[in-house]
Amino acid sequence: MRALAKQAFESSKNLGLIMMLATAALAGTVPSASAQAPAAAPQRNPADVEVHLFPVQGNVYMLVGAGGNITVQIGDDGVLLVDAGLAGTSDKVYAAIRTLSTKPIHYIIDTHIHADHTGGNEALAKLGNTIAGGNVVGDIGASAGNQATVIAAQEVLDRMSATNGTQPAVPQASWPTETYTTPERKLYFNGEGVLMIHPQAAHTDGDTIVFFRRSDVISTGDIFVTTGYPLVDLARGGNIQGVINGLNEIIELSIPADEQEGGTMIIPGHGRLCDVADVVFYQEMVTIIRDRIQDMVNKGMTLEQVKAAKPTSDYDPRYGRDTGFWTTDMFVEAVYKSLSPKK
């Protein structure tokens, strides 16, 4: 399993900086902690993308290379996906899925709104179908019956359907067709329970963690990544304390095997396959940085003073970035603003 994890990481690392937490396609830009767009990230031609599948355990596989990591669950009932990758990569994603199963795609679960996880919703959903009797949402229900059901927290639909001027921010064909507003949503598919958990105000306000109970695999979305500091999307309801709460939820669901290795396997939003020990290390890092910045906020330090104090310096060699979608400065600013008293 460790060898497979390393292979997954090696296959995806060249895409890591390009695809890292990409939110650009939703508005043409990527919001920083202050909701101002940094320079656009380099775009990769979908024709150049390579996708790779790796077995995780049970019914579950991990697909890398199409943007955010995609979780694939297969079985007699059909195919369930967690996230759909970037727009333009769906043909390659679908071809890879077909090497595992000829059954139709029945469900796509969006872990959050960002386009590197939802860009393939439209194309992949059209290649599947809805199980008879499934519920769909509102006016879009009539057009959703001949495609896979796309499930997300209600906040994802709210933000996708929010107008910018006179046009929706995202084309309607990419919207979720089924949403939930409760802390949990449960589904039984391919012989196992699938538990969706909605932590409040974490990476965004519309995050979903997906737990495959029999396979013992958790798909985290971008609450947990191995490629950098967590992106706290303040512009879309994110909050650093919510990220920590989400990491705690993942740890609580997990049961390690011998010597804290193996057991429950964790598919992050970006990066290599993990187990709970990796999540614990990440949670401790985020909590330590949160506490350092909280102490500085309590002392009345300005954002500039906090940045100058370099509260992340001992973790920067592993997680820090000076350029790209999400820099260390952006992370520090997001944490600072999450913890500062509201005026």
Protein backbone atom coordinates (compact mmCIF):
# COMPACT_ATOMS: atom_id res chain seq x y z
CA MET A 1 0.00 0.00 0.00
CA ARG A 2 2.82 2.39 0.76
CA ALA A 3 4.28 1.62 -2.66
CA LEU A 4 0.96 2.42 -4.30
CA ALA A 5 0.74 5.65 -2.35
CA LYS A 6 4.18 6.65 -3.57
CA GLN A 7 3.23 5.81 -7.16
CA ALA A 8 0.11 7.94 -6.87
CA PHE A 9 2.10 10.85 -5.56
CA GLU A 10 4.80 10.57 -8.21
CA SER A 11 2.20 10.42 -10.97
CA SER A 12 0.39 13.51 -9.72
CA LYS A 13 3.16 15.74 -8.40
CA ASN A 14 3.83 17.42 -11.73
CA LEU A 15 0.21 18.54 -11.73
CA GLY A 16 0.24 19.49 -8.07
CA LEU A 17 1.11 23.16 -8.36
CA ILE A 18 -1.01 23.65 -11.46
CA MET A 19 -4.10 21.93 -10.13
CA MET A 20 -3.64 22.84 -6.48
CA LEU A 21 -7.00 23.82 -5.14
CA ALA A 22 -8.00 25.44 -8.43
CA THR A 23 -10.98 27.72 -8.04
CA ALA A 24 -10.35 29.79 -11.13
CA ALA A 25 -12.93 28.34 -13.48
CA LEU A 26 -15.80 29.39 -11.23
CA ALA A 27 -15.10 33.07 -11.71
CA GLY A 28 -12.12 33.23 -14.02
CA THR A 29 -9.81 33.94 -11.08
CA VAL A 30 -8.76 32.41 -7.79
CA PRO A 31 -9.70 34.34 -4.63
CA SER A 32 -6.95 34.99 -2.12
CA ALA A 33 -7.71 35.27 1.56
CA SER A 34 -8.76 38.86 0.93
CA ALA A 35 -10.92 37.80 -2.05
CA GLN A 36 -8.54 39.52 -4.46
CA ALA A 37 -7.36 37.45 -7.39
CA PRO A 38 -3.65 36.70 -7.71
CA ALA A 39 -2.05 36.09 -11.08
CA ALA A 40 -3.74 33.32 -13.03
CA ALA A 41 -2.15 29.92 -12.65
CA PRO A 42 -0.66 28.29 -15.73
CA GLN A 43 -3.24 26.33 -17.71
CA ARG A 44 -2.60 22.76 -18.80
CA ASN A 45 -3.97 21.48 -22.08
CA PRO A 46 -6.41 18.65 -21.27
CA ALA A 47 -4.88 16.73 -24.17
CA ASP A 48 -1.61 16.59 -22.20
CA VAL A 49 -3.21 15.30 -18.99
CA GLU A 50 -2.47 11.74 -17.92
CA VAL A 51 -4.78 10.01 -15.48
CA HIS A 52 -3.87 6.98 -13.39
CA LEU A 53 -5.92 4.59 -11.27
CA PHE A 54 -4.69 2.98 -8.06
CA PRO A 55 -6.51 0.39 -5.94
CA VAL A 56 -7.07 1.57 -2.38
CA GLN A 57 -8.98 -1.22 -0.66
CA GLY A 58 -12.40 -2.83 -0.77
CA ASN A 59 -14.52 -1.45 -3.62
CA VAL A 60 -12.59 1.82 -3.83
CA TYR A 61 -9.97 3.20 -6.21
CA MET A 62 -8.14 6.52 -6.44
CA LEU A 63 -7.87 8.36 -9.78
CA VAL A 64 -5.20 11.05 -10.07
CA GLY A 65 -4.18 13.52 -12.75
CA ALA A 66 -7.51 15.15 -13.71
CA GLY A 67 -7.32 18.01 -11.20
CA GLY A 68 -8.38 17.12 -7.68
CA ASN A 69 -8.18 13.44 -6.77
CA ILE A 70 -11.24 11.43 -7.81
CA THR A 71 -12.52 8.51 -5.72
CA VAL A 72 -14.09 5.65 -7.69
CA GLN A 73 -16.32 3.08 -5.99
CA ILE A 74 -17.42 0.12 -8.12
CA GLY A 75 -19.68 -2.88 -7.63
CA ASP A 76 -22.78 -4.70 -8.85
CA ASP A 77 -24.93 -1.59 -8.46
CA GLY A 78 -22.75 0.57 -10.70
CA VAL A 79 -20.18 3.31 -10.30
CA LEU A 80 -20.04 6.10 -7.72
CA LEU A 81 -17.55 8.96 -8.00
CA VAL A 82 -16.41 11.41 -5.39
CA ASP A 83 -15.58 14.54 -7.40
CA ALA A 84 -15.35 14.82 -11.17
CA GLY A 85 -12.06 16.58 -11.89
CA LEU A 86 -11.43 19.46 -14.26
CA ALA A 87 -13.52 20.22 -17.31
CA GLY A 88 -11.90 18.84 -20.44
CA THR A 89 -10.49 15.73 -18.76
CA SER A 90 -13.72 13.72 -18.58
CA ASP A 91 -13.04 11.54 -21.62
CA LYS A 92 -9.82 10.28 -20.03
CA VAL A 93 -11.46 9.88 -16.63
CA TYR A 94 -14.31 7.89 -18.17
CA ALA A 95 -11.93 5.70 -20.16
CA ALA A 96 -10.01 4.91 -16.96
CA ILE A 97 -13.24 4.04 -15.13
CA ARG A 98 -14.19 1.71 -17.95
CA THR A 99 -11.10 -0.39 -17.24
CA LEU A 100 -12.67 -1.18 -13.86
CA SER A 101 -16.37 -1.50 -14.65
CA THR A 102 -18.80 -1.46 -17.56
CA LYS A 103 -21.63 -0.50 -15.21
CA PRO A 104 -23.12 3.01 -15.49
CA ILE A 105 -22.14 5.95 -13.32
CA HIS A 106 -25.09 6.49 -10.98
CA TYR A 107 -23.71 8.99 -8.45
CA ILE A 108 -21.20 11.84 -8.35
CA ILE A 109 -20.61 13.39 -4.93
CA ASP A 110 -19.07 16.88 -4.94
CA THR A 111 -16.80 17.52 -1.96
CA HIS A 112 -17.00 21.30 -2.56
CA ILE A 113 -17.55 23.90 -5.25
CA HIS A 114 -14.07 24.43 -6.72
CA ALA A 115 -13.73 23.73 -10.43
CA ASP A 116 -10.86 21.24 -10.18
CA HIS A 117 -13.36 18.99 -8.39
CA THR A 118 -16.64 19.91 -10.14
CA GLY A 119 -15.55 20.87 -13.67
CA GLY A 120 -16.30 17.37 -14.95
CA ASN A 121 -19.82 17.22 -13.44
CA GLU A 122 -21.66 17.90 -16.67
CA ALA A 123 -19.75 15.57 -18.97
CA LEU A 124 -19.49 12.62 -16.57
CA ALA A 125 -23.08 12.93 -15.36
CA LYS A 126 -24.32 12.76 -18.96
CA LEU A 127 -22.47 9.46 -19.38
CA GLY A 128 -24.44 7.92 -16.50
CA ASN A 129 -28.03 7.71 -15.35
CA THR A 130 -30.12 8.12 -12.21
CA ILE A 131 -31.40 5.07 -10.37
CA ALA A 132 -35.19 4.88 -10.67
CA GLY A 133 -36.88 6.48 -7.70
CA GLY A 134 -33.99 8.79 -6.84
CA ASN A 135 -34.95 12.29 -5.75
CA VAL A 136 -33.70 15.32 -7.62
CA VAL A 137 -33.88 18.98 -6.75
CA GLY A 138 -36.35 21.60 -7.88
CA ASP A 139 -36.69 22.81 -11.45
CA ILE A 140 -33.60 20.98 -12.63
CA GLY A 141 -35.16 17.63 -11.78
CA ALA A 142 -36.85 17.21 -15.16
CA SER A 143 -33.54 17.31 -17.00
CA ALA A 144 -31.64 15.23 -14.45
CA GLY A 145 -33.31 11.85 -14.88
CA ASN A 146 -31.19 10.77 -17.83
CA GLN A 147 -27.90 11.48 -16.14
CA ALA A 148 -26.07 10.46 -12.98
CA THR A 149 -27.27 12.05 -9.76
CA VAL A 150 -24.87 14.77 -8.59
CA ILE A 151 -25.00 15.15 -4.80
CA ALA A 152 -23.59 18.04 -2.78
CA ALA A 153 -24.21 20.14 0.28
CA GLN A 154 -26.85 22.79 -0.34
CA GLU A 155 -24.25 25.55 -0.20
CA VAL A 156 -22.62 24.22 -3.37
CA LEU A 157 -25.83 24.62 -5.34
CA ASP A 158 -26.50 28.02 -3.77
CA ARG A 159 -23.12 29.33 -4.86
CA MET A 160 -23.13 27.69 -8.29
CA SER A 161 -26.55 29.13 -9.07
CA ALA A 162 -25.82 32.62 -7.66
CA THR A 163 -26.05 35.19 -10.43
CA ASN A 164 -23.24 37.46 -11.50
CA GLY A 165 -25.03 40.29 -13.23
CA THR A 166 -27.69 38.52 -15.27
CA GLN A 167 -25.94 35.14 -15.69
CA PRO A 168 -25.42 32.21 -13.32
CA ALA A 169 -21.84 31.91 -12.10
CA VAL A 170 -21.71 28.29 -13.32
CA PRO A 171 -23.66 26.68 -16.21
CA GLN A 172 -26.75 24.90 -14.94
CA ALA A 173 -25.66 21.55 -16.39
CA SER A 174 -22.85 21.44 -13.80
CA TRP A 175 -25.10 22.05 -10.81
CA PRO A 176 -25.85 19.35 -8.22
CA THR A 177 -29.17 17.63 -8.88
CA GLU A 178 -29.61 16.50 -5.28
CA THR A 179 -28.56 18.43 -2.17
CA TYR A 180 -28.65 17.95 1.57
CA THR A 181 -28.86 20.46 4.42
CA THR A 182 -28.31 18.17 7.40
CA PRO A 183 -24.96 17.44 9.10
CA GLU A 184 -24.99 13.99 7.46
CA ARG A 185 -26.42 12.27 4.39
CA LYS A 186 -26.46 8.47 4.09
CA LEU A 187 -26.52 6.23 1.04
CA TYR A 188 -26.25 2.45 0.56
CA PHE A 189 -24.56 1.50 -2.69
CA ASN A 190 -22.46 -1.40 -3.95
CA GLY A 191 -22.94 -3.38 -0.77
CA GLU A 192 -21.74 -0.75 1.70
CA GLY A 193 -22.87 2.29 3.57
CA VAL A 194 -21.68 5.62 2.19
CA LEU A 195 -21.71 8.37 4.81
CA MET A 196 -21.50 12.01 3.73
CA ILE A 197 -20.53 14.48 6.46
CA HIS A 198 -20.91 18.24 6.10
CA PRO A 199 -18.54 20.16 8.41
CA GLN A 200 -19.55 23.78 8.82
CA ALA A 201 -17.31 26.50 7.36
CA ALA A 202 -14.11 24.51 6.74
CA HIS A 203 -12.23 24.72 3.42
CA THR A 204 -15.48 26.32 2.15
CA ASP A 205 -19.00 26.40 3.58
CA GLY A 206 -20.07 23.52 1.29
CA ASP A 207 -17.58 20.76 2.08
CA THR A 208 -18.46 17.08 2.20
CA ILE A 209 -16.33 14.28 3.66
CA VAL A 210 -17.25 10.83 2.26
CA PHE A 211 -16.75 7.64 4.30
CA PHE A 212 -17.06 4.21 2.65
CA ARG A 213 -17.82 2.06 5.67
CA ARG A 214 -17.17 -1.49 4.45
CA SER A 215 -14.14 -0.55 2.33
CA ASP A 216 -12.88 1.61 5.24
CA VAL A 217 -11.85 4.52 3.01
CA ILE A 218 -12.40 8.25 3.56
CA SER A 219 -12.41 10.80 0.73
CA THR A 220 -11.68 14.19 2.28
CA GLY A 221 -11.88 16.77 -0.47
CA ASP A 222 -9.63 19.75 0.13
CA ILE A 223 -10.05 19.78 3.91
CA PHE A 224 -6.97 17.57 3.82
CA VAL A 225 -4.20 17.73 1.19
CA THR A 226 -0.57 16.61 1.22
CA THR A 227 0.70 19.25 -1.21
CA GLY A 228 0.60 22.43 0.89
CA TYR A 229 -1.09 24.40 3.63
CA PRO A 230 -4.90 24.14 3.66
CA LEU A 231 -6.67 26.65 1.42
CA VAL A 232 -9.11 28.54 3.61
CA ASP A 233 -11.50 30.08 1.08
CA LEU A 234 -12.86 32.99 3.10
CA ALA A 235 -14.73 34.32 0.08
CA ARG A 236 -16.78 31.11 0.00
CA GLY A 237 -17.35 30.69 3.73
CA GLY A 238 -14.14 28.94 4.78
CA ASN A 239 -12.65 29.23 8.27
CA ILE A 240 -9.46 27.83 9.84
CA GLN A 241 -11.27 26.45 12.88
CA GLY A 242 -13.66 24.63 10.57
CA VAL A 243 -10.69 23.06 8.79
CA ILE A 244 -9.38 21.77 12.12
CA ASN A 245 -12.85 20.50 13.04
CA GLY A 246 -13.00 18.68 9.70
CA LEU A 247 -9.59 17.10 10.26
CA ASN A 248 -10.73 16.02 13.72
CA GLU A 249 -13.81 14.41 12.14
CA ILE A 250 -11.61 12.45 9.72
CA ILE A 251 -9.40 11.27 12.59
CA GLU A 252 -12.44 10.28 14.66
CA LEU A 253 -13.81 8.15 11.80
CA SER A 254 -10.49 6.39 11.23
CA ILE A 255 -9.14 3.25 12.89
CA PRO A 256 -5.43 2.56 12.31
CA ALA A 257 -3.95 -0.92 12.03
CA ASP A 258 -0.69 -2.11 13.62
CA GLU A 259 1.59 0.62 14.98
CA GLN A 260 -0.77 3.33 13.69
CA GLU A 261 -0.11 2.34 10.06
CA GLY A 262 -2.70 1.24 7.51
CA GLY A 263 -6.26 0.51 8.59
CA THR A 264 -8.57 3.25 7.35
CA MET A 265 -7.16 4.69 4.13
CA ILE A 266 -7.47 8.39 3.33
CA ILE A 267 -7.82 9.90 -0.15
CA PRO A 268 -6.89 13.61 0.10
CA GLY A 269 -8.15 16.33 -2.20
CA HIS A 270 -4.65 16.57 -3.69
CA GLY A 271 -1.54 14.48 -3.22
CA ARG A 272 -0.70 10.93 -2.28
CA LEU A 273 -2.75 8.19 -0.67
CA CYS A 274 -2.57 8.38 3.15
CA ASP A 275 -3.57 6.73 6.38
CA VAL A 276 -4.72 8.35 9.61
CA ALA A 277 -1.15 8.94 10.87
CA ASP A 278 -0.69 11.40 7.99
CA VAL A 279 -3.88 13.23 8.92
CA VAL A 280 -2.83 13.44 12.57
CA PHE A 281 0.49 15.03 11.60
CA TYR A 282 -1.32 17.53 9.36
CA GLN A 283 -3.93 18.34 12.02
CA GLU A 284 -1.19 18.99 14.58
CA MET A 285 0.62 21.29 12.15
CA VAL A 286 -2.52 23.32 11.39
CA THR A 287 -3.46 23.51 15.08
CA ILE A 288 0.02 24.70 16.12
CA ILE A 289 -0.02 27.44 13.48
CA ARG A 290 -3.57 28.41 14.48
CA ASP A 291 -2.49 28.74 18.10
CA ARG A 292 0.57 30.82 17.24
CA ILE A 293 -1.44 33.26 15.15
CA GLN A 294 -4.24 33.37 17.73
CA ASP A 295 -1.68 34.41 20.34
CA MET A 296 -0.45 37.18 18.03
CA VAL A 297 -4.00 38.34 17.37
CA ASN A 298 -4.66 38.43 21.13
CA LYS A 299 -1.57 40.65 21.53
CA GLY A 300 -2.99 43.10 19.01
CA MET A 301 -0.44 42.46 16.26
CA THR A 302 -1.32 43.63 12.76
CA LEU A 303 -1.43 41.31 9.77
CA GLU A 304 1.88 42.72 8.52
CA GLN A 305 3.49 42.09 11.91
CA VAL A 306 2.17 38.52 11.97
CA LYS A 307 3.55 37.83 8.49
CA ALA A 308 6.90 39.30 9.50
CA ALA A 309 7.00 37.01 12.55
CA LYS A 310 6.83 33.96 10.20
CA PRO A 311 4.59 31.72 12.32
CA THR A 312 4.86 28.92 9.73
CA SER A 313 8.66 28.95 9.28
CA ASP A 314 9.38 25.48 10.68
CA TYR A 315 6.76 23.92 8.38
CA ASP A 316 7.54 25.96 5.26
CA PRO A 317 10.14 23.53 3.84
CA ARG A 318 7.38 20.93 3.55
CA TYR A 319 4.23 22.95 2.92
CA GLY A 320 5.30 26.51 2.02
CA ARG A 321 4.82 28.17 -1.38
CA ASP A 322 6.02 31.59 -2.56
CA THR A 323 4.15 31.45 -5.89
CA GLY A 324 1.07 29.80 -7.34
CA PHE A 325 -2.58 29.59 -6.41
CA TRP A 326 -2.04 29.47 -2.67
CA THR A 327 1.05 30.96 -1.10
CA THR A 328 2.22 30.86 2.51
CA ASP A 329 1.35 34.55 2.87
CA MET A 330 -2.21 33.85 1.69
CA PHE A 331 -2.53 31.05 4.21
CA VAL A 332 -1.27 33.22 7.09
CA GLU A 333 -3.65 36.01 6.04
CA ALA A 334 -6.61 33.62 5.92
CA VAL A 335 -5.82 32.26 9.39
CA TYR A 336 -5.36 35.79 10.75
CA LYS A 337 -8.71 36.95 9.35
CA SER A 338 -10.46 33.78 10.56
CA LEU A 339 -9.26 34.48 14.11
CA SER A 340 -9.56 38.27 14.24
CA PRO A 341 -12.56 39.70 16.09
CA LYS A 342 -15.38 40.62 13.72
CA LYS A 343 -15.97 44.35 13.52
